[in-house]
Amino acid sequence: MSQLLMLGNTTVLLLFLLLIWGNLVAGLKVGLACPDWPLCHGRLLPPFRWDIYMEFAHRIIGAVTSVFLIALCYKRFRIYSGTSKVVPIITIVLLLLQILLGGIVVLLRLPVDLTTVHFGVAIIIFSLTFYLAFFDGTDKKPVLSITSKSCLFLLLAILIISQAVLGAFVRHSGAGLACPDFPKCLGFWIPPNLTGIVLTHFLHRVIAYLVFVCALILYTSSYASARLRDIRSNLMLILALTLVQVIVGVAVVHSKLLFLITAFHITLALLILSTVLYTFFKDMRESQA
């Protein structure tokens, strides 16, 4: 494995770990265990306590990931040409914004809207980093143009990212148990009072079903469409992961938001997004042949 490819894969894995660790911090409600920033309890090395070190470890993983991401962006910027140079530039800008947001979120004591934006920026950085890792510059020059087939996966990726961000809002706004039953919500298929946290939770469920239906349509279409036939195995994986994700979503509700299950929930979301992005970028690369 080339150094360029190894750097990209390592950065993606670090971001994967960072997002899951952040979910654990939120699930354990220790996001303010370090109430100041950039120090923790006024010290570079905070006092030993499990909740403090859960949050402190999140900061350390974030710092290490940032170093790798900066190195990756620098390497890719030197290799890429044309419009593709925009990708590492945007990634660095978002990284700087993310670091600033991380400090503001702590200092303002985890406001719901900013915490959701913080997660949303993280997911976008993850997606851009996946691009930087996939197009390592060793074969064909990366492109930003897409085909009609890859457009389907771009739209699916956007839908999954939107669902993940909405899921973060559900978590931080306290809407996770607004519909405590399943498959109904408050005893109704469509609750009569669709406002506030009930609406937020219900929309999250609806989009989850929509993602599953889209995955099912794409997979079944692969038996009739020559354009999709060569990626049927990818589509089957996306469909299987999406089905498991729906089941785990039900478990999240019935477990009363048990932190381990919610962490598995975000893990599956990242795996689904990664598979969709891989399929999307693979089609982009093959379109250059």
C-alpha atoms as a PDB file:
ATOM      1  CA  MET A   1       0.000   0.000   0.000  1.00  0.00           C
ATOM      2  CA  SER A   2       1.441   3.374  -1.018  1.00  0.00           C
ATOM      3  CA  GLN A   3       2.084   6.076   1.569  1.00  0.00           C
ATOM      4  CA  LEU A   4      -0.470   8.319  -0.147  1.00  0.00           C
ATOM      5  CA  LEU A   5      -3.167   5.652   0.122  1.00  0.00           C
ATOM      6  CA  MET A   6      -2.211   4.765   3.708  1.00  0.00           C
ATOM      7  CA  LEU A   7      -2.423   8.422   4.782  1.00  0.00           C
ATOM      8  CA  GLY A   8      -5.921   8.729   3.311  1.00  0.00           C
ATOM      9  CA  ASN A   9      -7.225   5.498   4.828  1.00  0.00           C
ATOM     10  CA  THR A  10      -5.758   6.323   8.245  1.00  0.00           C
ATOM     11  CA  THR A  11      -7.379   9.759   8.238  1.00  0.00           C
ATOM     12  CA  VAL A  12     -10.774   8.300   7.311  1.00  0.00           C
ATOM     13  CA  LEU A  13     -10.495   5.725  10.113  1.00  0.00           C
ATOM     14  CA  LEU A  14      -9.533   8.435  12.623  1.00  0.00           C
ATOM     15  CA  LEU A  15     -12.548  10.516  11.610  1.00  0.00           C
ATOM     16  CA  PHE A  16     -14.717   7.402  11.895  1.00  0.00           C
ATOM     17  CA  LEU A  17     -13.435   6.858  15.445  1.00  0.00           C
ATOM     18  CA  LEU A  18     -13.828  10.548  16.315  1.00  0.00           C
ATOM     19  CA  LEU A  19     -17.491  10.603  15.282  1.00  0.00           C
ATOM     20  CA  ILE A  20     -18.296   7.438  17.228  1.00  0.00           C
ATOM     21  CA  TRP A  21     -16.411   8.690  20.305  1.00  0.00           C
ATOM     22  CA  GLY A  22     -18.323  11.971  20.121  1.00  0.00           C
ATOM     23  CA  ASN A  23     -21.553   9.983  20.083  1.00  0.00           C
ATOM     24  CA  LEU A  24     -20.435   8.092  23.200  1.00  0.00           C
ATOM     25  CA  VAL A  25     -19.616  11.389  24.932  1.00  0.00           C
ATOM     26  CA  ALA A  26     -23.105  12.690  24.108  1.00  0.00           C
ATOM     27  CA  GLY A  27     -24.761   9.414  25.122  1.00  0.00           C
ATOM     28  CA  LEU A  28     -22.991   9.408  28.485  1.00  0.00           C
ATOM     29  CA  LYS A  29     -23.855  13.116  28.909  1.00  0.00           C
ATOM     30  CA  VAL A  30     -20.249  14.075  29.666  1.00  0.00           C
ATOM     31  CA  GLY A  31     -19.908  16.764  27.011  1.00  0.00           C
ATOM     32  CA  LEU A  32     -19.238  19.377  29.702  1.00  0.00           C
ATOM     33  CA  ALA A  33     -16.868  17.263  31.776  1.00  0.00           C
ATOM     34  CA  CYS A  34     -14.237  19.689  30.458  1.00  0.00           C
ATOM     35  CA  PRO A  35     -16.167  22.954  30.962  1.00  0.00           C
ATOM     36  CA  ASP A  36     -13.451  25.204  29.515  1.00  0.00           C
ATOM     37  CA  TRP A  37     -11.572  25.365  26.202  1.00  0.00           C
ATOM     38  CA  PRO A  38      -8.902  24.908  24.901  1.00  0.00           C
ATOM     39  CA  LEU A  39      -7.699  23.756  28.355  1.00  0.00           C
ATOM     40  CA  CYS A  40      -9.592  21.240  30.496  1.00  0.00           C
ATOM     41  CA  HIS A  41     -10.241  22.414  34.050  1.00  0.00           C
ATOM     42  CA  GLY A  42      -7.576  25.029  33.407  1.00  0.00           C
ATOM     43  CA  ARG A  43      -4.881  22.413  32.786  1.00  0.00           C
ATOM     44  CA  LEU A  44      -3.195  20.744  29.826  1.00  0.00           C
ATOM     45  CA  LEU A  45      -3.531  17.422  31.646  1.00  0.00           C
ATOM     46  CA  PRO A  46      -6.818  17.401  33.585  1.00  0.00           C
ATOM     47  CA  PRO A  47      -7.492  15.644  36.913  1.00  0.00           C
ATOM     48  CA  PHE A  48      -8.191  11.941  36.570  1.00  0.00           C
ATOM     49  CA  ARG A  49     -11.904  11.082  36.460  1.00  0.00           C
ATOM     50  CA  TRP A  50     -13.588   8.805  33.962  1.00  0.00           C
ATOM     51  CA  ASP A  51     -16.073  11.374  32.627  1.00  0.00           C
ATOM     52  CA  ILE A  52     -13.371  14.045  32.268  1.00  0.00           C
ATOM     53  CA  TYR A  53     -11.158  11.659  30.340  1.00  0.00           C
ATOM     54  CA  MET A  54     -14.012  10.566  28.055  1.00  0.00           C
ATOM     55  CA  GLU A  55     -14.350  14.169  26.912  1.00  0.00           C
ATOM     56  CA  PHE A  56     -10.597  14.828  27.078  1.00  0.00           C
ATOM     57  CA  ALA A  57      -9.919  11.736  24.927  1.00  0.00           C
ATOM     58  CA  HIS A  58     -12.392  13.119  22.385  1.00  0.00           C
ATOM     59  CA  ARG A  59     -10.302  16.288  22.181  1.00  0.00           C
ATOM     60  CA  ILE A  60      -7.069  14.297  21.845  1.00  0.00           C
ATOM     61  CA  ILE A  61      -8.497  12.140  19.056  1.00  0.00           C
ATOM     62  CA  GLY A  62      -9.721  15.322  17.379  1.00  0.00           C
ATOM     63  CA  ALA A  63      -6.267  16.915  17.596  1.00  0.00           C
ATOM     64  CA  VAL A  64      -4.510  13.840  16.172  1.00  0.00           C
ATOM     65  CA  THR A  65      -7.111  13.576  13.399  1.00  0.00           C
ATOM     66  CA  SER A  66      -6.628  17.257  12.538  1.00  0.00           C
ATOM     67  CA  VAL A  67      -2.876  16.750  12.082  1.00  0.00           C
ATOM     68  CA  PHE A  68      -3.460  13.812   9.734  1.00  0.00           C
ATOM     69  CA  LEU A  69      -6.168  15.700   7.834  1.00  0.00           C
ATOM     70  CA  ILE A  70      -3.964  18.761   7.326  1.00  0.00           C
ATOM     71  CA  ALA A  71      -1.168  16.525   6.024  1.00  0.00           C
ATOM     72  CA  LEU A  72      -3.615  14.740   3.706  1.00  0.00           C
ATOM     73  CA  CYS A  73      -4.999  18.006   2.318  1.00  0.00           C
ATOM     74  CA  TYR A  74      -1.489  19.338   1.721  1.00  0.00           C
ATOM     75  CA  LYS A  75      -0.442  16.178  -0.145  1.00  0.00           C
ATOM     76  CA  ARG A  76      -3.596  16.073  -2.260  1.00  0.00           C
ATOM     77  CA  PHE A  77      -3.438  19.791  -3.091  1.00  0.00           C
ATOM     78  CA  ARG A  78       0.038  19.270  -4.530  1.00  0.00           C
ATOM     79  CA  ILE A  79      -1.080  16.243  -6.569  1.00  0.00           C
ATOM     80  CA  TYR A  80      -4.509  17.360  -7.747  1.00  0.00           C
ATOM     81  CA  SER A  81      -5.048  19.630 -10.736  1.00  0.00           C
ATOM     82  CA  GLY A  82      -7.808  21.892 -11.983  1.00  0.00           C
ATOM     83  CA  THR A  83     -11.094  22.109 -10.082  1.00  0.00           C
ATOM     84  CA  SER A  84     -10.199  19.135  -7.882  1.00  0.00           C
ATOM     85  CA  LYS A  85      -7.847  21.385  -5.910  1.00  0.00           C
ATOM     86  CA  VAL A  86     -10.991  22.935  -4.436  1.00  0.00           C
ATOM     87  CA  VAL A  87     -11.681  19.790  -2.372  1.00  0.00           C
ATOM     88  CA  PRO A  88      -8.640  19.961  -0.044  1.00  0.00           C
ATOM     89  CA  ILE A  89      -9.066  23.736   0.273  1.00  0.00           C
ATOM     90  CA  ILE A  90     -12.714  23.416   1.338  1.00  0.00           C
ATOM     91  CA  THR A  91     -11.784  20.584   3.712  1.00  0.00           C
ATOM     92  CA  ILE A  92      -9.175  22.737   5.491  1.00  0.00           C
ATOM     93  CA  VAL A  93     -11.597  25.666   5.765  1.00  0.00           C
ATOM     94  CA  LEU A  94     -14.246  23.393   7.276  1.00  0.00           C
ATOM     95  CA  LEU A  95     -11.679  21.894   9.656  1.00  0.00           C
ATOM     96  CA  LEU A  96     -10.774  25.361  10.974  1.00  0.00           C
ATOM     97  CA  LEU A  97     -14.473  26.172  11.320  1.00  0.00           C
ATOM     98  CA  GLN A  98     -15.028  22.879  13.143  1.00  0.00           C
ATOM     99  CA  ILE A  99     -12.244  23.574  15.646  1.00  0.00           C
ATOM    100  CA  LEU A 100     -13.722  27.014  16.347  1.00  0.00           C
ATOM    101  CA  LEU A 101     -17.227  25.575  16.678  1.00  0.00           C
ATOM    102  CA  GLY A 102     -15.959  22.924  19.086  1.00  0.00           C
ATOM    103  CA  GLY A 103     -14.695  25.608  21.457  1.00  0.00           C
ATOM    104  CA  ILE A 104     -17.832  27.743  21.141  1.00  0.00           C
ATOM    105  CA  VAL A 105     -20.113  24.743  21.763  1.00  0.00           C
ATOM    106  CA  VAL A 106     -18.332  24.015  25.058  1.00  0.00           C
ATOM    107  CA  LEU A 107     -18.139  27.643  26.204  1.00  0.00           C
ATOM    108  CA  LEU A 108     -21.857  28.161  25.469  1.00  0.00           C
ATOM    109  CA  ARG A 109     -22.670  24.904  27.299  1.00  0.00           C
ATOM    110  CA  LEU A 110     -23.830  22.737  24.384  1.00  0.00           C
ATOM    111  CA  PRO A 111     -26.562  24.788  22.670  1.00  0.00           C
ATOM    112  CA  VAL A 112     -28.753  22.481  20.585  1.00  0.00           C
ATOM    113  CA  ASP A 113     -28.492  24.300  17.245  1.00  0.00           C
ATOM    114  CA  LEU A 114     -24.714  24.820  17.363  1.00  0.00           C
ATOM    115  CA  THR A 115     -24.104  21.256  18.553  1.00  0.00           C
ATOM    116  CA  THR A 116     -26.105  19.983  15.575  1.00  0.00           C
ATOM    117  CA  VAL A 117     -24.168  22.244  13.186  1.00  0.00           C
ATOM    118  CA  HIS A 118     -20.946  20.952  14.762  1.00  0.00           C
ATOM    119  CA  PHE A 119     -21.966  17.377  13.925  1.00  0.00           C
ATOM    120  CA  GLY A 120     -23.135  18.382  10.438  1.00  0.00           C
ATOM    121  CA  VAL A 121     -19.782  19.951   9.609  1.00  0.00           C
ATOM    122  CA  ALA A 122     -18.060  16.790  10.911  1.00  0.00           C
ATOM    123  CA  ILE A 123     -20.102  14.585   8.549  1.00  0.00           C
ATOM    124  CA  ILE A 124     -19.286  16.834   5.582  1.00  0.00           C
ATOM    125  CA  ILE A 125     -15.573  16.740   6.491  1.00  0.00           C
ATOM    126  CA  PHE A 126     -15.816  12.936   6.692  1.00  0.00           C
ATOM    127  CA  SER A 127     -17.343  12.802   3.184  1.00  0.00           C
ATOM    128  CA  LEU A 128     -14.709  15.125   1.704  1.00  0.00           C
ATOM    129  CA  THR A 129     -11.935  13.139   3.401  1.00  0.00           C
ATOM    130  CA  PHE A 130     -13.353   9.973   1.860  1.00  0.00           C
ATOM    131  CA  TYR A 131     -12.950  11.675  -1.532  1.00  0.00           C
ATOM    132  CA  LEU A 132      -9.351  12.618  -0.699  1.00  0.00           C
ATOM    133  CA  ALA A 133      -8.639   9.042   0.400  1.00  0.00           C
ATOM    134  CA  PHE A 134     -10.288   7.448  -2.637  1.00  0.00           C
ATOM    135  CA  PHE A 135      -8.574   9.653  -5.212  1.00  0.00           C
ATOM    136  CA  ASP A 136      -5.003   9.270  -3.991  1.00  0.00           C
ATOM    137  CA  GLY A 137      -3.472  10.644  -7.182  1.00  0.00           C
ATOM    138  CA  THR A 138      -1.646   7.430  -8.095  1.00  0.00           C
ATOM    139  CA  ASP A 139      -3.843   6.483 -11.048  1.00  0.00           C
ATOM    140  CA  LYS A 140      -6.150   8.922 -12.779  1.00  0.00           C
ATOM    141  CA  LYS A 141      -6.587  12.556 -11.875  1.00  0.00           C
ATOM    142  CA  PRO A 142      -9.726  13.077  -9.770  1.00  0.00           C
ATOM    143  CA  VAL A 143     -12.698  14.850 -11.266  1.00  0.00           C
ATOM    144  CA  LEU A 144     -15.720  16.666  -9.919  1.00  0.00           C
ATOM    145  CA  SER A 145     -18.058  15.871 -12.823  1.00  0.00           C
ATOM    146  CA  ILE A 146     -20.627  13.097 -12.362  1.00  0.00           C
ATOM    147  CA  THR A 147     -22.571  10.751 -14.611  1.00  0.00           C
ATOM    148  CA  SER A 148     -26.311  10.125 -14.535  1.00  0.00           C
ATOM    149  CA  LYS A 149     -25.714   6.911 -12.550  1.00  0.00           C
ATOM    150  CA  SER A 150     -23.404   8.500  -9.992  1.00  0.00           C
ATOM    151  CA  CYS A 151     -25.928  11.315  -9.596  1.00  0.00           C
ATOM    152  CA  LEU A 152     -28.257   8.770  -7.961  1.00  0.00           C
ATOM    153  CA  PHE A 153     -25.640   7.974  -5.355  1.00  0.00           C
ATOM    154  CA  LEU A 154     -24.821  11.631  -4.804  1.00  0.00           C
ATOM    155  CA  LEU A 155     -28.491  12.284  -4.026  1.00  0.00           C
ATOM    156  CA  LEU A 156     -28.613   9.209  -1.770  1.00  0.00           C
ATOM    157  CA  ALA A 157     -25.471  10.402   0.046  1.00  0.00           C
ATOM    158  CA  ILE A 158     -27.041  13.837   0.579  1.00  0.00           C
ATOM    159  CA  LEU A 159     -30.188  12.170   1.938  1.00  0.00           C
ATOM    160  CA  ILE A 160     -28.128  10.028   4.350  1.00  0.00           C
ATOM    161  CA  ILE A 161     -26.097  13.030   5.514  1.00  0.00           C
ATOM    162  CA  SER A 162     -29.321  14.992   6.084  1.00  0.00           C
ATOM    163  CA  GLN A 163     -30.752  12.070   8.055  1.00  0.00           C
ATOM    164  CA  ALA A 164     -27.611  11.845  10.191  1.00  0.00           C
ATOM    165  CA  VAL A 165     -27.723  15.570  10.963  1.00  0.00           C
ATOM    166  CA  LEU A 166     -31.418  15.332  11.818  1.00  0.00           C
ATOM    167  CA  GLY A 167     -30.559  12.394  14.082  1.00  0.00           C
ATOM    168  CA  ALA A 168     -28.052  14.615  15.892  1.00  0.00           C
ATOM    169  CA  PHE A 169     -30.756  17.249  16.333  1.00  0.00           C
ATOM    170  CA  VAL A 170     -33.123  14.575  17.667  1.00  0.00           C
ATOM    171  CA  ARG A 171     -30.471  13.582  20.228  1.00  0.00           C
ATOM    172  CA  HIS A 172     -29.514  17.079  21.357  1.00  0.00           C
ATOM    173  CA  SER A 173     -33.044  18.506  21.393  1.00  0.00           C
ATOM    174  CA  GLY A 174     -34.310  15.724  23.665  1.00  0.00           C
ATOM    175  CA  ALA A 175     -36.596  14.280  20.986  1.00  0.00           C
ATOM    176  CA  GLY A 176     -35.139  10.772  21.152  1.00  0.00           C
ATOM    177  CA  LEU A 177     -38.092   9.415  23.136  1.00  0.00           C
ATOM    178  CA  ALA A 178     -40.771  11.769  21.829  1.00  0.00           C
ATOM    179  CA  CYS A 179     -42.255   8.702  20.124  1.00  0.00           C
ATOM    180  CA  PRO A 180     -41.687   6.006  22.765  1.00  0.00           C
ATOM    181  CA  ASP A 181     -43.496   3.263  20.827  1.00  0.00           C
ATOM    182  CA  PHE A 182     -42.899   1.503  17.499  1.00  0.00           C
ATOM    183  CA  PRO A 183     -44.054   1.136  14.745  1.00  0.00           C
ATOM    184  CA  LYS A 184     -46.626   3.723  15.792  1.00  0.00           C
ATOM    185  CA  CYS A 185     -45.860   7.078  17.376  1.00  0.00           C
ATOM    186  CA  LEU A 186     -47.801   7.862  20.545  1.00  0.00           C
ATOM    187  CA  GLY A 187     -50.303   5.203  19.468  1.00  0.00           C
ATOM    188  CA  PHE A 188     -50.896   6.718  16.007  1.00  0.00           C
ATOM    189  CA  TRP A 189     -49.472   5.987  12.571  1.00  0.00           C
ATOM    190  CA  ILE A 190     -49.419   9.759  12.067  1.00  0.00           C
ATOM    191  CA  PRO A 191     -49.638  11.655  15.377  1.00  0.00           C
ATOM    192  CA  PRO A 192     -52.353  14.330  15.368  1.00  0.00           C
ATOM    193  CA  ASN A 193     -50.102  16.824  17.149  1.00  0.00           C
ATOM    194  CA  LEU A 194     -47.121  17.003  14.804  1.00  0.00           C
ATOM    195  CA  THR A 195     -45.216  19.837  16.442  1.00  0.00           C
ATOM    196  CA  GLY A 196     -42.057  20.348  18.465  1.00  0.00           C
ATOM    197  CA  ILE A 197     -40.026  17.302  19.422  1.00  0.00           C
ATOM    198  CA  VAL A 198     -42.737  14.904  18.195  1.00  0.00           C
ATOM    199  CA  LEU A 199     -42.423  16.346  14.683  1.00  0.00           C
ATOM    200  CA  THR A 200     -38.626  16.164  14.872  1.00  0.00           C
ATOM    201  CA  HIS A 201     -38.652  12.512  15.922  1.00  0.00           C
ATOM    202  CA  PHE A 202     -41.373  11.556  13.423  1.00  0.00           C
ATOM    203  CA  LEU A 203     -39.473  13.181  10.526  1.00  0.00           C
ATOM    204  CA  HIS A 204     -36.383  11.206  11.498  1.00  0.00           C
ATOM    205  CA  ARG A 205     -38.387   7.996  11.219  1.00  0.00           C
ATOM    206  CA  VAL A 206     -39.944   8.988   7.895  1.00  0.00           C
ATOM    207  CA  ILE A 207     -36.568   9.800   6.322  1.00  0.00           C
ATOM    208  CA  ALA A 208     -35.194   6.477   7.623  1.00  0.00           C
ATOM    209  CA  TYR A 209     -37.997   4.671   5.797  1.00  0.00           C
ATOM    210  CA  LEU A 210     -37.295   6.787   2.694  1.00  0.00           C
ATOM    211  CA  VAL A 211     -33.611   5.817   2.719  1.00  0.00           C
ATOM    212  CA  PHE A 212     -34.589   2.149   3.002  1.00  0.00           C
ATOM    213  CA  VAL A 213     -37.095   2.433   0.128  1.00  0.00           C
ATOM    214  CA  CYS A 214     -34.478   4.156  -2.065  1.00  0.00           C
ATOM    215  CA  ALA A 215     -31.959   1.403  -1.297  1.00  0.00           C
ATOM    216  CA  LEU A 216     -34.576  -1.263  -2.075  1.00  0.00           C
ATOM    217  CA  ILE A 217     -35.518   0.392  -5.388  1.00  0.00           C
ATOM    218  CA  LEU A 218     -31.884   0.693  -6.459  1.00  0.00           C
ATOM    219  CA  TYR A 219     -31.166  -2.932  -5.596  1.00  0.00           C
ATOM    220  CA  THR A 220     -34.227  -4.344  -7.387  1.00  0.00           C
ATOM    221  CA  SER A 221     -33.502  -2.066 -10.363  1.00  0.00           C
ATOM    222  CA  SER A 222     -30.067  -3.672 -10.719  1.00  0.00           C
ATOM    223  CA  TYR A 223     -31.800  -6.774 -12.120  1.00  0.00           C
ATOM    224  CA  ALA A 224     -33.325  -4.718 -14.944  1.00  0.00           C
ATOM    225  CA  SER A 225     -30.740  -1.993 -15.514  1.00  0.00           C
ATOM    226  CA  ALA A 226     -27.402  -2.769 -17.152  1.00  0.00           C
ATOM    227  CA  ARG A 227     -25.970   0.416 -15.606  1.00  0.00           C
ATOM    228  CA  LEU A 228     -26.633  -0.866 -12.080  1.00  0.00           C
ATOM    229  CA  ARG A 229     -25.904  -4.545 -12.638  1.00  0.00           C
ATOM    230  CA  ASP A 230     -22.148  -4.225 -12.112  1.00  0.00           C
ATOM    231  CA  ILE A 231     -22.620  -2.663  -8.660  1.00  0.00           C
ATOM    232  CA  ARG A 232     -25.333  -5.046  -7.435  1.00  0.00           C
ATOM    233  CA  SER A 233     -23.141  -6.303  -4.590  1.00  0.00           C
ATOM    234  CA  ASN A 234     -22.672  -2.718  -3.358  1.00  0.00           C
ATOM    235  CA  LEU A 235     -26.410  -2.119  -3.555  1.00  0.00           C
ATOM    236  CA  MET A 236     -27.124  -5.333  -1.640  1.00  0.00           C
ATOM    237  CA  LEU A 237     -24.726  -4.197   1.107  1.00  0.00           C
ATOM    238  CA  ILE A 238     -26.363  -0.760   1.288  1.00  0.00           C
ATOM    239  CA  LEU A 239     -29.809  -2.369   1.518  1.00  0.00           C
ATOM    240  CA  ALA A 240     -28.703  -4.849   4.216  1.00  0.00           C
ATOM    241  CA  LEU A 241     -27.017  -2.149   6.306  1.00  0.00           C
ATOM    242  CA  THR A 242     -30.064   0.107   5.964  1.00  0.00           C
ATOM    243  CA  LEU A 243     -32.394  -2.668   7.133  1.00  0.00           C
ATOM    244  CA  VAL A 244     -30.174  -3.347  10.158  1.00  0.00           C
ATOM    245  CA  GLN A 245     -30.062   0.398  10.826  1.00  0.00           C
ATOM    246  CA  VAL A 246     -33.866   0.579  10.997  1.00  0.00           C
ATOM    247  CA  ILE A 247     -33.903  -2.357  13.440  1.00  0.00           C
ATOM    248  CA  VAL A 248     -31.205  -0.725  15.591  1.00  0.00           C
ATOM    249  CA  GLY A 249     -33.190   2.513  15.503  1.00  0.00           C
ATOM    250  CA  VAL A 250     -36.102   0.644  17.068  1.00  0.00           C
ATOM    251  CA  ALA A 251     -33.702  -0.778  19.678  1.00  0.00           C
ATOM    252  CA  VAL A 252     -32.494   2.756  20.476  1.00  0.00           C
ATOM    253  CA  VAL A 253     -36.051   3.757  21.394  1.00  0.00           C
ATOM    254  CA  HIS A 254     -36.893   0.601  23.345  1.00  0.00           C
ATOM    255  CA  SER A 255     -33.584   0.723  25.252  1.00  0.00           C
ATOM    256  CA  LYS A 256     -34.358   4.310  26.307  1.00  0.00           C
ATOM    257  CA  LEU A 257     -31.339   5.650  24.369  1.00  0.00           C
ATOM    258  CA  LEU A 258     -28.767   3.235  25.793  1.00  0.00           C
ATOM    259  CA  PHE A 259     -25.434   4.801  24.866  1.00  0.00           C
ATOM    260  CA  LEU A 260     -23.906   1.611  23.418  1.00  0.00           C
ATOM    261  CA  ILE A 261     -26.843   1.103  21.062  1.00  0.00           C
ATOM    262  CA  THR A 262     -26.842   4.753  19.987  1.00  0.00           C
ATOM    263  CA  ALA A 263     -23.097   4.442  19.283  1.00  0.00           C
ATOM    264  CA  PHE A 264     -23.801   1.372  17.124  1.00  0.00           C
ATOM    265  CA  HIS A 265     -26.524   3.404  15.398  1.00  0.00           C
ATOM    266  CA  ILE A 266     -24.059   6.107  14.278  1.00  0.00           C
ATOM    267  CA  THR A 267     -21.527   3.408  13.341  1.00  0.00           C
ATOM    268  CA  LEU A 268     -24.027   1.856  10.938  1.00  0.00           C
ATOM    269  CA  ALA A 269     -24.896   5.291   9.537  1.00  0.00           C
ATOM    270  CA  LEU A 270     -21.211   5.908   8.769  1.00  0.00           C
ATOM    271  CA  LEU A 271     -20.880   2.466   7.168  1.00  0.00           C
ATOM    272  CA  ILE A 272     -23.912   3.137   4.952  1.00  0.00           C
ATOM    273  CA  LEU A 273     -22.580   6.564   3.975  1.00  0.00           C
ATOM    274  CA  SER A 274     -19.114   5.116   3.290  1.00  0.00           C
ATOM    275  CA  THR A 275     -20.547   2.419   1.003  1.00  0.00           C
ATOM    276  CA  VAL A 276     -22.619   4.965  -0.903  1.00  0.00           C
ATOM    277  CA  LEU A 277     -19.635   7.326  -1.238  1.00  0.00           C
ATOM    278  CA  TYR A 278     -17.395   4.487  -2.390  1.00  0.00           C
ATOM    279  CA  THR A 279     -19.919   3.524  -5.090  1.00  0.00           C
ATOM    280  CA  PHE A 280     -20.306   7.184  -6.102  1.00  0.00           C
ATOM    281  CA  PHE A 281     -16.552   7.819  -6.382  1.00  0.00           C
ATOM    282  CA  LYS A 282     -15.932   4.471  -8.107  1.00  0.00           C
ATOM    283  CA  ASP A 283     -18.357   5.466 -10.852  1.00  0.00           C
ATOM    284  CA  MET A 284     -16.673   8.876 -11.145  1.00  0.00           C
ATOM    285  CA  ARG A 285     -13.276   7.214 -11.603  1.00  0.00           C
ATOM    286  CA  GLU A 286     -14.534   4.633 -14.085  1.00  0.00           C
ATOM    287  CA  SER A 287     -16.248   7.348 -16.140  1.00  0.00           C
ATOM    288  CA  GLN A 288     -12.758   8.677 -16.977  1.00  0.00           C
ATOM    289  CA  ALA A 289     -11.735   5.402 -18.620  1.00  0.00           C
END
